[in-house]
PDB file of N, CA and C in Angstrom:
ATOM      1  N   MET A   1       0.171 -10.651 -11.930  1.00  0.00           N
ATOM      2  CA  MET A   1       0.505 -10.496 -10.736  1.00  0.00           C
ATOM      3  C   MET A   1       0.778 -11.670  -9.555  1.00  0.00           C
ATOM      4  N   THR A   2       1.781 -11.745  -9.288  1.00  0.00           N
ATOM      5  CA  THR A   2       1.984 -12.939  -8.559  1.00  0.00           C
ATOM      6  C   THR A   2       1.274 -12.881  -7.021  1.00  0.00           C
ATOM      7  N   GLY A   3       1.307 -13.784  -6.465  1.00  0.00           N
ATOM      8  CA  GLY A   3       0.613 -13.563  -4.922  1.00  0.00           C
ATOM      9  C   GLY A   3       1.451 -12.861  -3.970  1.00  0.00           C
ATOM     10  N   THR A   4       2.644 -12.489  -4.171  1.00  0.00           N
ATOM     11  CA  THR A   4       3.232 -11.998  -3.355  1.00  0.00           C
ATOM     12  C   THR A   4       3.189 -10.447  -3.463  1.00  0.00           C
ATOM     13  N   TRP A   5       3.082  -9.972  -4.940  1.00  0.00           N
ATOM     14  CA  TRP A   5       2.969  -8.511  -5.129  1.00  0.00           C
ATOM     15  C   TRP A   5       1.248  -8.403  -4.746  1.00  0.00           C
ATOM     16  N   LEU A   6       0.493  -9.295  -4.920  1.00  0.00           N
ATOM     17  CA  LEU A   6      -0.889  -8.813  -4.667  1.00  0.00           C
ATOM     18  C   LEU A   6      -1.022  -8.672  -3.052  1.00  0.00           C
ATOM     19  N   LYS A   7      -0.181  -9.557  -2.243  1.00  0.00           N
ATOM     20  CA  LYS A   7      -0.216  -9.163  -1.038  1.00  0.00           C
ATOM     21  C   LYS A   7       0.333  -7.937  -0.534  1.00  0.00           C
ATOM     22  N   ILE A   8       1.115  -7.077  -1.479  1.00  0.00           N
ATOM     23  CA  ILE A   8       1.423  -5.833  -0.898  1.00  0.00           C
ATOM     24  C   ILE A   8       0.457  -4.917  -1.365  1.00  0.00           C
ATOM     25  N   VAL A   9      -0.403  -5.365  -2.388  1.00  0.00           N
ATOM     26  CA  VAL A   9      -1.403  -4.278  -2.985  1.00  0.00           C
ATOM     27  C   VAL A   9      -2.684  -4.360  -1.889  1.00  0.00           C
ATOM     28  N   LEU A  10      -2.889  -5.518  -1.372  1.00  0.00           N
ATOM     29  CA  LEU A  10      -3.739  -5.701  -0.333  1.00  0.00           C
ATOM     30  C   LEU A  10      -3.347  -4.934   0.947  1.00  0.00           C
ATOM     31  N   ALA A  11      -2.100  -5.107   1.403  1.00  0.00           N
ATOM     32  CA  ALA A  11      -1.541  -4.622   2.571  1.00  0.00           C
ATOM     33  C   ALA A  11      -1.766  -2.894   2.422  1.00  0.00           C
ATOM     34  N   ALA A  12      -1.333  -2.417   1.158  1.00  0.00           N
ATOM     35  CA  ALA A  12      -1.473  -1.150   0.925  1.00  0.00           C
ATOM     36  C   ALA A  12      -2.880  -0.456   1.205  1.00  0.00           C
ATOM     37  N   GLY A  13      -3.969  -1.136   0.774  1.00  0.00           N
ATOM     38  CA  GLY A  13      -5.301  -0.909   0.450  1.00  0.00           C
ATOM     39  C   GLY A  13      -5.664  -0.588   1.953  1.00  0.00           C
ATOM     40  N   PHE A  14      -5.160  -1.966   2.885  1.00  0.00           N
ATOM     41  CA  PHE A  14      -5.782  -1.927   4.239  1.00  0.00           C
ATOM     42  C   PHE A  14      -5.216  -0.864   4.885  1.00  0.00           C
ATOM     43  N   GLU A  15      -3.963  -0.279   4.495  1.00  0.00           N
ATOM     44  CA  GLU A  15      -3.269   0.614   5.141  1.00  0.00           C
ATOM     45  C   GLU A  15      -3.859   2.076   4.784  1.00  0.00           C
ATOM     46  N   VAL A  16      -4.374   2.300   3.611  1.00  0.00           N
ATOM     47  CA  VAL A  16      -5.453   3.399   3.479  1.00  0.00           C
ATOM     48  C   VAL A  16      -6.703   3.457   4.324  1.00  0.00           C
ATOM     49  N   GLY A  17      -7.283   2.128   4.569  1.00  0.00           N
ATOM     50  CA  GLY A  17      -8.218   2.269   5.521  1.00  0.00           C
ATOM     51  C   GLY A  17      -8.068   2.455   7.010  1.00  0.00           C
ATOM     52  N   TRP A  18      -6.877   1.995   7.466  1.00  0.00           N
ATOM     53  CA  TRP A  18      -6.651   2.480   8.652  1.00  0.00           C
ATOM     54  C   TRP A  18      -5.989   3.786   8.821  1.00  0.00           C
ATOM     55  N   VAL A  19      -5.301   4.482   8.005  1.00  0.00           N
ATOM     56  CA  VAL A  19      -4.859   5.755   8.150  1.00  0.00           C
ATOM     57  C   VAL A  19      -6.389   6.552   7.981  1.00  0.00           C
ATOM     58  N   ILE A  20      -7.291   6.294   7.393  1.00  0.00           N
ATOM     59  CA  ILE A  20      -8.243   7.130   7.213  1.00  0.00           C
ATOM     60  C   ILE A  20      -9.343   7.100   8.465  1.00  0.00           C
ATOM     61  N   GLY A  21      -9.057   5.711   9.072  1.00  0.00           N
ATOM     62  CA  GLY A  21      -9.738   5.486  10.387  1.00  0.00           C
ATOM     63  C   GLY A  21      -9.219   6.276  11.448  1.00  0.00           C
ATOM     64  N   LEU A  22      -8.028   6.312  11.559  1.00  0.00           N
ATOM     65  CA  LEU A  22      -7.225   7.038  12.613  1.00  0.00           C
ATOM     66  C   LEU A  22      -7.710   8.580  12.566  1.00  0.00           C
ATOM     67  N   LYS A  23      -8.092   9.150  11.359  1.00  0.00           N
ATOM     68  CA  LYS A  23      -8.294  10.592  11.549  1.00  0.00           C
ATOM     69  C   LYS A  23      -9.992  10.801  11.614  1.00  0.00           C
ATOM     70  N   HIS A  24     -11.065   9.666  11.187  1.00  0.00           N
ATOM     71  CA  HIS A  24     -12.057   9.951  11.235  1.00  0.00           C
ATOM     72  C   HIS A  24     -12.900   9.009  12.154  1.00  0.00           C
ATOM     73  N   ALA A  25     -12.300   8.021  12.845  1.00  0.00           N
ATOM     74  CA  ALA A  25     -13.115   7.073  13.424  1.00  0.00           C
ATOM     75  C   ALA A  25     -13.887   7.890  14.803  1.00  0.00           C
ATOM     76  N   ASP A  26     -15.207   7.545  14.932  1.00  0.00           N
ATOM     77  CA  ASP A  26     -15.807   8.320  16.046  1.00  0.00           C
ATOM     78  C   ASP A  26     -16.258   7.200  17.161  1.00  0.00           C
ATOM     79  N   SER A  27     -16.680   6.033  16.603  1.00  0.00           N
ATOM     80  CA  SER A  27     -17.353   5.114  17.392  1.00  0.00           C
ATOM     81  C   SER A  27     -16.502   3.774  17.609  1.00  0.00           C
ATOM     82  N   ILE A  28     -16.818   3.088  18.366  1.00  0.00           N
ATOM     83  CA  ILE A  28     -16.170   1.810  18.898  1.00  0.00           C
ATOM     84  C   ILE A  28     -16.215   0.919  17.390  1.00  0.00           C
ATOM     85  N   LEU A  29     -17.212   1.041  16.760  1.00  0.00           N
ATOM     86  CA  LEU A  29     -17.405   0.196  15.510  1.00  0.00           C
ATOM     87  C   LEU A  29     -16.096   0.510  14.792  1.00  0.00           C
ATOM     88  N   GLU A  30     -16.101   1.804  14.280  1.00  0.00           N
ATOM     89  CA  GLU A  30     -15.137   2.542  13.345  1.00  0.00           C
ATOM     90  C   GLU A  30     -13.729   2.078  13.967  1.00  0.00           C
ATOM     91  N   TRP A  31     -13.320   2.275  15.482  1.00  0.00           N
ATOM     92  CA  TRP A  31     -12.227   2.119  15.957  1.00  0.00           C
ATOM     93  C   TRP A  31     -11.909   0.679  15.926  1.00  0.00           C
ATOM     94  N   THR A  32     -12.675  -0.284  16.187  1.00  0.00           N
ATOM     95  CA  THR A  32     -12.594  -1.912  15.766  1.00  0.00           C
ATOM     96  C   THR A  32     -11.943  -1.862  14.278  1.00  0.00           C
ATOM     97  N   ALA A  33     -12.986  -1.401  13.322  1.00  0.00           N
ATOM     98  CA  ALA A  33     -12.536  -1.394  12.083  1.00  0.00           C
ATOM     99  C   ALA A  33     -11.176  -1.046  11.554  1.00  0.00           C
ATOM    100  N   THR A  34     -10.834  -0.129  12.480  1.00  0.00           N
ATOM    101  CA  THR A  34      -9.480   0.527  12.228  1.00  0.00           C
ATOM    102  C   THR A  34      -8.375  -0.330  12.647  1.00  0.00           C
ATOM    103  N   VAL A  35      -8.641  -1.042  13.655  1.00  0.00           N
ATOM    104  CA  VAL A  35      -7.609  -2.007  14.322  1.00  0.00           C
ATOM    105  C   VAL A  35      -7.692  -3.061  13.621  1.00  0.00           C
ATOM    106  N   ILE A  36      -8.606  -3.547  13.073  1.00  0.00           N
ATOM    107  CA  ILE A  36      -8.885  -4.685  12.027  1.00  0.00           C
ATOM    108  C   ILE A  36      -7.733  -4.568  10.987  1.00  0.00           C
ATOM    109  N   ALA A  37      -7.927  -3.390  10.202  1.00  0.00           N
ATOM    110  CA  ALA A  37      -7.199  -2.910   8.985  1.00  0.00           C
ATOM    111  C   ALA A  37      -6.030  -2.796   9.334  1.00  0.00           C
ATOM    112  N   MET A  38      -5.306  -2.422  10.595  1.00  0.00           N
ATOM    113  CA  MET A  38      -3.951  -2.408  10.768  1.00  0.00           C
ATOM    114  C   MET A  38      -3.404  -3.891  10.841  1.00  0.00           C
ATOM    115  N   VAL A  39      -4.284  -4.793  11.540  1.00  0.00           N
ATOM    116  CA  VAL A  39      -3.470  -6.045  11.596  1.00  0.00           C
ATOM    117  C   VAL A  39      -3.629  -6.727  10.415  1.00  0.00           C
ATOM    118  N   VAL A  40      -4.480  -6.323   9.347  1.00  0.00           N
ATOM    119  CA  VAL A  40      -4.609  -7.224   8.014  1.00  0.00           C
ATOM    120  C   VAL A  40      -3.198  -6.636   7.183  1.00  0.00           C
ATOM    121  N   SER A  41      -3.106  -5.274   7.437  1.00  0.00           N
ATOM    122  CA  SER A  41      -2.247  -4.681   6.627  1.00  0.00           C
ATOM    123  C   SER A  41      -0.860  -5.165   6.972  1.00  0.00           C
ATOM    124  N   PHE A  42      -0.778  -5.246   8.462  1.00  0.00           N
ATOM    125  CA  PHE A  42       0.737  -5.606   8.654  1.00  0.00           C
ATOM    126  C   PHE A  42       1.038  -7.132   8.445  1.00  0.00           C
ATOM    127  N   TYR A  43      -0.094  -7.932   8.425  1.00  0.00           N
ATOM    128  CA  TYR A  43       0.031  -9.133   8.021  1.00  0.00           C
ATOM    129  C   TYR A  43       0.448  -9.435   6.821  1.00  0.00           C
ATOM    130  N   TYR A  44      -0.220  -8.793   5.819  1.00  0.00           N
ATOM    131  CA  TYR A  44       0.348  -9.017   4.544  1.00  0.00           C
ATOM    132  C   TYR A  44       1.557  -8.343   4.253  1.00  0.00           C
ATOM    133  N   LEU A  45       1.920  -7.491   4.930  1.00  0.00           N
ATOM    134  CA  LEU A  45       3.464  -6.732   4.503  1.00  0.00           C
ATOM    135  C   LEU A  45       4.125  -7.873   5.133  1.00  0.00           C
ATOM    136  N   VAL A  46       4.173  -8.493   6.147  1.00  0.00           N
ATOM    137  CA  VAL A  46       5.038  -9.343   6.526  1.00  0.00           C
ATOM    138  C   VAL A  46       5.234 -10.595   6.045  1.00  0.00           C
ATOM    139  N   THR A  47       4.029 -10.961   5.590  1.00  0.00           N
ATOM    140  CA  THR A  47       4.022 -12.217   4.515  1.00  0.00           C
ATOM    141  C   THR A  47       4.817 -11.873   3.040  1.00  0.00           C
ATOM    142  N   ALA A  48       4.555 -10.732   2.612  1.00  0.00           N
ATOM    143  CA  ALA A  48       5.373 -10.251   1.510  1.00  0.00           C
ATOM    144  C   ALA A  48       6.816 -10.404   1.521  1.00  0.00           C
ATOM    145  N   GLY A  49       7.255  -9.887   2.770  1.00  0.00           N
ATOM    146  CA  GLY A  49       8.656  -9.423   3.031  1.00  0.00           C
ATOM    147  C   GLY A  49       9.476 -10.767   2.926  1.00  0.00           C
ATOM    148  N   ARG A  50       8.825 -11.997   3.299  1.00  0.00           N
ATOM    149  CA  ARG A  50       9.264 -13.130   3.326  1.00  0.00           C
ATOM    150  C   ARG A  50       9.694 -13.643   2.008  1.00  0.00           C
ATOM    151  N   THR A  51       9.072 -13.211   0.976  1.00  0.00           N
ATOM    152  CA  THR A  51       9.495 -13.486  -0.677  1.00  0.00           C
ATOM    153  C   THR A  51      10.290 -12.657  -1.467  1.00  0.00           C
ATOM    154  N   LEU A  52      10.115 -11.360  -1.029  1.00  0.00           N
ATOM    155  CA  LEU A  52      10.562 -10.142  -1.523  1.00  0.00           C
ATOM    156  C   LEU A  52      11.570  -9.404  -0.856  1.00  0.00           C
ATOM    157  N   PRO A  53      12.597  -8.829  -1.294  1.00  0.00           N
ATOM    158  CA  PRO A  53      13.456  -8.019  -0.446  1.00  0.00           C
ATOM    159  C   PRO A  53      12.668  -6.691   0.273  1.00  0.00           C
ATOM    160  N   VAL A  54      13.031  -6.645   1.718  1.00  0.00           N
ATOM    161  CA  VAL A  54      11.890  -5.904   2.707  1.00  0.00           C
ATOM    162  C   VAL A  54      11.823  -4.656   2.251  1.00  0.00           C
ATOM    163  N   ALA A  55      13.218  -3.970   1.722  1.00  0.00           N
ATOM    164  CA  ALA A  55      13.134  -2.602   1.541  1.00  0.00           C
ATOM    165  C   ALA A  55      12.264  -2.472   0.375  1.00  0.00           C
ATOM    166  N   THR A  56      12.030  -3.502  -0.712  1.00  0.00           N
ATOM    167  CA  THR A  56      11.258  -3.099  -1.847  1.00  0.00           C
ATOM    168  C   THR A  56       9.674  -3.189  -1.415  1.00  0.00           C
ATOM    169  N   VAL A  57       9.593  -4.339  -0.391  1.00  0.00           N
ATOM    170  CA  VAL A  57       8.191  -4.461  -0.028  1.00  0.00           C
ATOM    171  C   VAL A  57       7.507  -3.035   0.626  1.00  0.00           C
ATOM    172  N   TYR A  58       8.310  -2.542   1.508  1.00  0.00           N
ATOM    173  CA  TYR A  58       7.932  -1.448   2.146  1.00  0.00           C
ATOM    174  C   TYR A  58       7.863  -0.367   1.447  1.00  0.00           C
ATOM    175  N   ALA A  59       8.899   0.001   0.500  1.00  0.00           N
ATOM    176  CA  ALA A  59       8.802   1.044  -0.612  1.00  0.00           C
ATOM    177  C   ALA A  59       7.602   1.030  -1.169  1.00  0.00           C
ATOM    178  N   VAL A  60       7.121  -0.099  -1.772  1.00  0.00           N
ATOM    179  CA  VAL A  60       6.012  -0.035  -2.604  1.00  0.00           C
ATOM    180  C   VAL A  60       4.785  -0.090  -1.703  1.00  0.00           C
ATOM    181  N   PHE A  61       4.870  -0.756  -0.455  1.00  0.00           N
ATOM    182  CA  PHE A  61       3.541  -0.571   0.545  1.00  0.00           C
ATOM    183  C   PHE A  61       3.485   0.928   0.688  1.00  0.00           C
ATOM    184  N   VAL A  62       4.376   1.677   1.175  1.00  0.00           N
ATOM    185  CA  VAL A  62       4.000   3.053   1.757  1.00  0.00           C
ATOM    186  C   VAL A  62       3.734   3.870   0.292  1.00  0.00           C
ATOM    187  N   GLY A  63       4.411   3.630  -0.676  1.00  0.00           N
ATOM    188  CA  GLY A  63       4.084   4.500  -1.837  1.00  0.00           C
ATOM    189  C   GLY A  63       2.535   4.173  -2.410  1.00  0.00           C
ATOM    190  N   LEU A  64       2.369   2.967  -2.269  1.00  0.00           N
ATOM    191  CA  LEU A  64       0.635   2.761  -2.653  1.00  0.00           C
ATOM    192  C   LEU A  64      -0.135   3.235  -1.854  1.00  0.00           C
ATOM    193  N   GLY A  65       0.313   3.199  -0.620  1.00  0.00           N
ATOM    194  CA  GLY A  65      -0.607   3.649   0.666  1.00  0.00           C
ATOM    195  C   GLY A  65      -0.683   4.989   0.338  1.00  0.00           C
ATOM    196  N   THR A  66       0.342   5.917   0.241  1.00  0.00           N
ATOM    197  CA  THR A  66       0.353   7.330   0.329  1.00  0.00           C
ATOM    198  C   THR A  66      -0.690   7.736  -1.067  1.00  0.00           C
ATOM    199  N   ALA A  67      -0.438   6.994  -2.340  1.00  0.00           N
ATOM    200  CA  ALA A  67      -1.128   7.142  -3.354  1.00  0.00           C
ATOM    201  C   ALA A  67      -2.542   7.271  -3.202  1.00  0.00           C
ATOM    202  N   GLY A  68      -2.983   5.886  -2.334  1.00  0.00           N
ATOM    203  CA  GLY A  68      -4.428   5.576  -2.000  1.00  0.00           C
ATOM    204  C   GLY A  68      -4.963   6.717  -1.047  1.00  0.00           C
ATOM    205  N   THR A  69      -4.144   7.028   0.030  1.00  0.00           N
ATOM    206  CA  THR A  69      -4.750   8.096   0.944  1.00  0.00           C
ATOM    207  C   THR A  69      -4.946   9.423   0.343  1.00  0.00           C
ATOM    208  N   VAL A  70      -4.041   9.676  -0.664  1.00  0.00           N
ATOM    209  CA  VAL A  70      -4.114  11.317  -1.153  1.00  0.00           C
ATOM    210  C   VAL A  70      -5.373  11.386  -2.134  1.00  0.00           C
ATOM    211  N   LEU A  71      -5.728  10.181  -2.885  1.00  0.00           N
ATOM    212  CA  LEU A  71      -6.603   9.881  -3.791  1.00  0.00           C
ATOM    213  C   LEU A  71      -8.081   9.803  -3.080  1.00  0.00           C
ATOM    214  N   SER A  72      -8.189   9.160  -1.973  1.00  0.00           N
ATOM    215  CA  SER A  72      -9.309   8.918  -1.049  1.00  0.00           C
ATOM    216  C   SER A  72      -9.802  10.352  -0.313  1.00  0.00           C
ATOM    217  N   GLU A  73      -8.659  11.255   0.091  1.00  0.00           N
ATOM    218  CA  GLU A  73      -8.811  12.321   0.637  1.00  0.00           C
ATOM    219  C   GLU A  73      -9.618  13.492  -0.447  1.00  0.00           C
ATOM    220  N   ILE A  74      -9.160  13.231  -1.615  1.00  0.00           N
ATOM    221  CA  ILE A  74      -9.682  14.125  -2.613  1.00  0.00           C
ATOM    222  C   ILE A  74     -11.236  13.695  -3.103  1.00  0.00           C
ATOM    223  N   LEU A  75     -11.250  12.235  -3.236  1.00  0.00           N
ATOM    224  CA  LEU A  75     -12.669  11.503  -3.854  1.00  0.00           C
ATOM    225  C   LEU A  75     -13.594  11.686  -2.660  1.00  0.00           C
ATOM    226  N   PHE A  76     -13.327  11.555  -1.296  1.00  0.00           N
ATOM    227  CA  PHE A  76     -14.273  11.167  -0.159  1.00  0.00           C
ATOM    228  C   PHE A  76     -14.351  12.173   0.742  1.00  0.00           C
ATOM    229  N   PHE A  77     -13.146  13.125   0.921  1.00  0.00           N
ATOM    230  CA  PHE A  77     -13.294  14.123   1.728  1.00  0.00           C
ATOM    231  C   PHE A  77     -13.144  15.377   1.554  1.00  0.00           C
ATOM    232  N   GLY A  78     -13.326  15.629   0.471  1.00  0.00           N
ATOM    233  CA  GLY A  78     -13.388  17.068   0.048  1.00  0.00           C
ATOM    234  C   GLY A  78     -12.199  17.841  -0.001  1.00  0.00           C
ATOM    235  N   VAL A  79     -10.984  17.246   0.253  1.00  0.00           N
ATOM    236  CA  VAL A  79      -9.735  17.788  -0.005  1.00  0.00           C
ATOM    237  C   VAL A  79      -9.621  18.461  -1.473  1.00  0.00           C
ATOM    238  N   PRO A  80      -9.098  19.717  -1.564  1.00  0.00           N
ATOM    239  CA  PRO A  80      -9.140  20.261  -2.972  1.00  0.00           C
ATOM    240  C   PRO A  80      -8.059  19.431  -3.841  1.00  0.00           C
ATOM    241  N   PHE A  81      -8.535  19.379  -5.078  1.00  0.00           N
ATOM    242  CA  PHE A  81      -7.676  18.729  -6.158  1.00  0.00           C
ATOM    243  C   PHE A  81      -6.460  19.764  -6.259  1.00  0.00           C
ATOM    244  N   GLN A  82      -5.346  19.386  -6.362  1.00  0.00           N
ATOM    245  CA  GLN A  82      -4.017  20.060  -6.548  1.00  0.00           C
ATOM    246  C   GLN A  82      -3.362  19.081  -7.749  1.00  0.00           C
ATOM    247  N   LEU A  83      -3.107  19.912  -8.942  1.00  0.00           N
ATOM    248  CA  LEU A  83      -2.429  19.031  -9.984  1.00  0.00           C
ATOM    249  C   LEU A  83      -0.907  18.786  -9.701  1.00  0.00           C
ATOM    250  N   SER A  84      -0.138  19.712  -8.952  1.00  0.00           N
ATOM    251  CA  SER A  84       1.171  19.490  -8.353  1.00  0.00           C
ATOM    252  C   SER A  84       1.049  18.336  -7.747  1.00  0.00           C
ATOM    253  N   LYS A  85       0.268  18.056  -6.670  1.00  0.00           N
ATOM    254  CA  LYS A  85       0.283  16.757  -5.979  1.00  0.00           C
ATOM    255  C   LYS A  85      -0.042  15.534  -6.580  1.00  0.00           C
ATOM    256  N   ILE A  86      -1.094  15.482  -7.663  1.00  0.00           N
ATOM    257  CA  ILE A  86      -1.120  14.396  -8.445  1.00  0.00           C
ATOM    258  C   ILE A  86       0.225  13.882  -9.216  1.00  0.00           C
ATOM    259  N   LEU A  87       0.508  15.014  -9.637  1.00  0.00           N
ATOM    260  CA  LEU A  87       1.933  14.707 -10.582  1.00  0.00           C
ATOM    261  C   LEU A  87       2.910  14.090  -9.676  1.00  0.00           C
ATOM    262  N   TRP A  88       3.041  14.519  -8.271  1.00  0.00           N
ATOM    263  CA  TRP A  88       4.258  14.049  -7.453  1.00  0.00           C
ATOM    264  C   TRP A  88       3.607  12.403  -7.483  1.00  0.00           C
ATOM    265  N   ILE A  89       2.284  12.134  -7.093  1.00  0.00           N
ATOM    266  CA  ILE A  89       1.844  11.038  -6.923  1.00  0.00           C
ATOM    267  C   ILE A  89       2.107  10.008  -8.220  1.00  0.00           C
ATOM    268  N   VAL A  90       1.872  10.464  -9.286  1.00  0.00           N
ATOM    269  CA  VAL A  90       2.472   9.947 -10.681  1.00  0.00           C
ATOM    270  C   VAL A  90       3.598   9.452 -10.611  1.00  0.00           C
ATOM    271  N   LEU A  91       4.490  10.201 -10.403  1.00  0.00           N
ATOM    272  CA  LEU A  91       5.810  10.159 -10.309  1.00  0.00           C
ATOM    273  C   LEU A  91       6.243   9.144  -9.015  1.00  0.00           C
ATOM    274  N   LEU A  92       5.586   9.033  -7.799  1.00  0.00           N
ATOM    275  CA  LEU A  92       6.003   8.044  -7.024  1.00  0.00           C
ATOM    276  C   LEU A  92       5.316   6.687  -7.613  1.00  0.00           C
ATOM    277  N   LEU A  93       4.289   6.635  -8.277  1.00  0.00           N
ATOM    278  CA  LEU A  93       3.577   5.401  -8.986  1.00  0.00           C
ATOM    279  C   LEU A  93       5.054   4.799 -10.026  1.00  0.00           C
ATOM    280  N   VAL A  94       5.423   5.790 -10.708  1.00  0.00           N
ATOM    281  CA  VAL A  94       6.214   5.369 -11.643  1.00  0.00           C
ATOM    282  C   VAL A  94       7.265   4.602 -11.103  1.00  0.00           C
ATOM    283  N   GLY A  95       7.923   5.257  -9.784  1.00  0.00           N
ATOM    284  CA  GLY A  95       9.125   4.521  -9.308  1.00  0.00           C
ATOM    285  C   GLY A  95       8.603   3.205  -8.694  1.00  0.00           C
ATOM    286  N   ILE A  96       7.472   3.184  -8.200  1.00  0.00           N
ATOM    287  CA  ILE A  96       6.998   1.592  -7.677  1.00  0.00           C
ATOM    288  C   ILE A  96       6.886   0.557  -8.805  1.00  0.00           C
ATOM    289  N   ILE A  97       6.403   1.189  -9.824  1.00  0.00           N
ATOM    290  CA  ILE A  97       6.266   0.057 -11.336  1.00  0.00           C
ATOM    291  C   ILE A  97       7.819  -0.152 -11.506  1.00  0.00           C
ATOM    292  N   GLY A  98       8.571   1.037 -11.455  1.00  0.00           N
ATOM    293  CA  GLY A  98      10.010   0.317 -11.483  1.00  0.00           C
ATOM    294  C   GLY A  98      10.632  -0.533 -10.848  1.00  0.00           C
ATOM    295  N   LEU A  99      10.309  -0.330  -9.355  1.00  0.00           N
ATOM    296  CA  LEU A  99      10.815  -1.452  -8.540  1.00  0.00           C
ATOM    297  C   LEU A  99      10.258  -2.838  -8.871  1.00  0.00           C
ATOM    298  N   LYS A 100       8.864  -2.703  -9.158  1.00  0.00           N
ATOM    299  CA  LYS A 100       8.509  -4.025  -9.549  1.00  0.00           C
ATOM    300  C   LYS A 100       9.001  -4.846 -10.594  1.00  0.00           C
ATOM    301  N   THR A 101       9.587  -4.106 -11.853  1.00  0.00           N
ATOM    302  CA  THR A 101      10.240  -4.585 -12.920  1.00  0.00           C
ATOM    303  C   THR A 101      11.473  -5.037 -12.663  1.00  0.00           C
ATOM    304  N   VAL A 102      12.064  -4.319 -11.648  1.00  0.00           N
ATOM    305  CA  VAL A 102      13.544  -5.142 -11.594  1.00  0.00           C
ATOM    306  C   VAL A 102      13.900  -5.969 -10.335  1.00  0.00           C
ATOM    307  N   THR A 103      12.532  -5.998  -9.603  1.00  0.00           N
ATOM    308  CA  THR A 103      12.751  -7.158  -8.479  1.00  0.00           C
ATOM    309  C   THR A 103      11.874  -8.458  -8.820  1.00  0.00           C
ATOM    310  N   ALA A 104      12.581  -9.403  -8.572  1.00  0.00           N
ATOM    311  CA  ALA A 104      12.178 -10.665  -9.068  1.00  0.00           C
ATOM    312  C   ALA A 104      11.568 -11.492  -7.550  1.00  0.00           C
ATOM    313  N   ASP A 105      10.645 -12.213  -7.827  1.00  0.00           N
ATOM    314  CA  ASP A 105      10.287 -13.183  -6.683  1.00  0.00           C
ATOM    315  C   ASP A 105      11.020 -14.035  -6.353  1.00  0.00           C
ATOM    316  N   THR A 106      11.774 -14.412  -4.850  1.00  0.00           N
ATOM    317  CA  THR A 106      12.155 -15.563  -4.774  1.00  0.00           C
ATOM    318  C   THR A 106      11.965 -16.590  -5.151  1.00  0.00           C
ATOM    319  N   ALA A 107      10.643 -16.906  -5.223  1.00  0.00           N
ATOM    320  CA  ALA A 107      10.097 -18.431  -5.440  1.00  0.00           C
ATOM    321  C   ALA A 107      10.428 -18.710  -7.057  1.00  0.00           C
ATOM    322  N   GLU A 108      10.253 -17.437  -7.755  1.00  0.00           N
ATOM    323  CA  GLU A 108      10.468 -17.419  -9.310  1.00  0.00           C
ATOM    324  C   GLU A 108      11.977 -17.927  -9.604  1.00  0.00           C
ATOM    325  N   GLU A 109      13.071 -17.119  -8.853  1.00  0.00           N
ATOM    326  CA  GLU A 109      14.195 -17.250  -9.170  1.00  0.00           C
ATOM    327  C   GLU A 109      14.744 -18.686  -8.946  1.00  0.00           C
ATOM    328  N   GLY A 110      13.881 -19.186  -7.865  1.00  0.00           N
ATOM    329  CA  GLY A 110      14.417 -20.656  -7.552  1.00  0.00           C
ATOM    330  C   GLY A 110      14.049 -21.365  -8.873  1.00  0.00           C
ATOM    331  N   ARG A 111      12.840 -21.359  -9.449  1.00  0.00           N
ATOM    332  CA  ARG A 111      12.310 -22.164 -10.465  1.00  0.00           C
ATOM    333  C   ARG A 111      13.062 -21.994 -11.780  1.00  0.00           C
ATOM    334  N   LYS A 112      13.623 -20.797 -11.826  1.00  0.00           N
ATOM    335  CA  LYS A 112      14.473 -20.427 -13.048  1.00  0.00           C
ATOM    336  C   LYS A 112      16.008 -20.983 -13.138  1.00  0.00           C
ATOM    337  N   GLN A 113      16.474 -21.142 -11.634  1.00  0.00           N
ATOM    338  CA  GLN A 113      17.906 -21.796 -11.526  1.00  0.00           C
ATOM    339  C   GLN A 113      17.895 -23.408 -11.958  1.00  0.00           C
TER     340      GLN A 113
END
């Protein structure tokens, strides 16, 4: 995985953190962590968009964030498991993997030419 794709994964991970924080934060420390997660998430998102097509970056970011949030709800917050929801998340992840396979880093393209 190249550095740019890692930035998208990190951005999505921090997105899961701030989405959970928006729903569950009760103290100033939790709200501070939520805001920090937002800033870090968008920083990695913007820097990844400098190398890859923004539409691809955003689609992968949102897809991974959605999958992470749904799985976190099930694992940590007692939301009931629904097979249909998991199957849709799997389909979403297949689409994300497909986007990664057909999208080349700008830096990699420059080296090939």
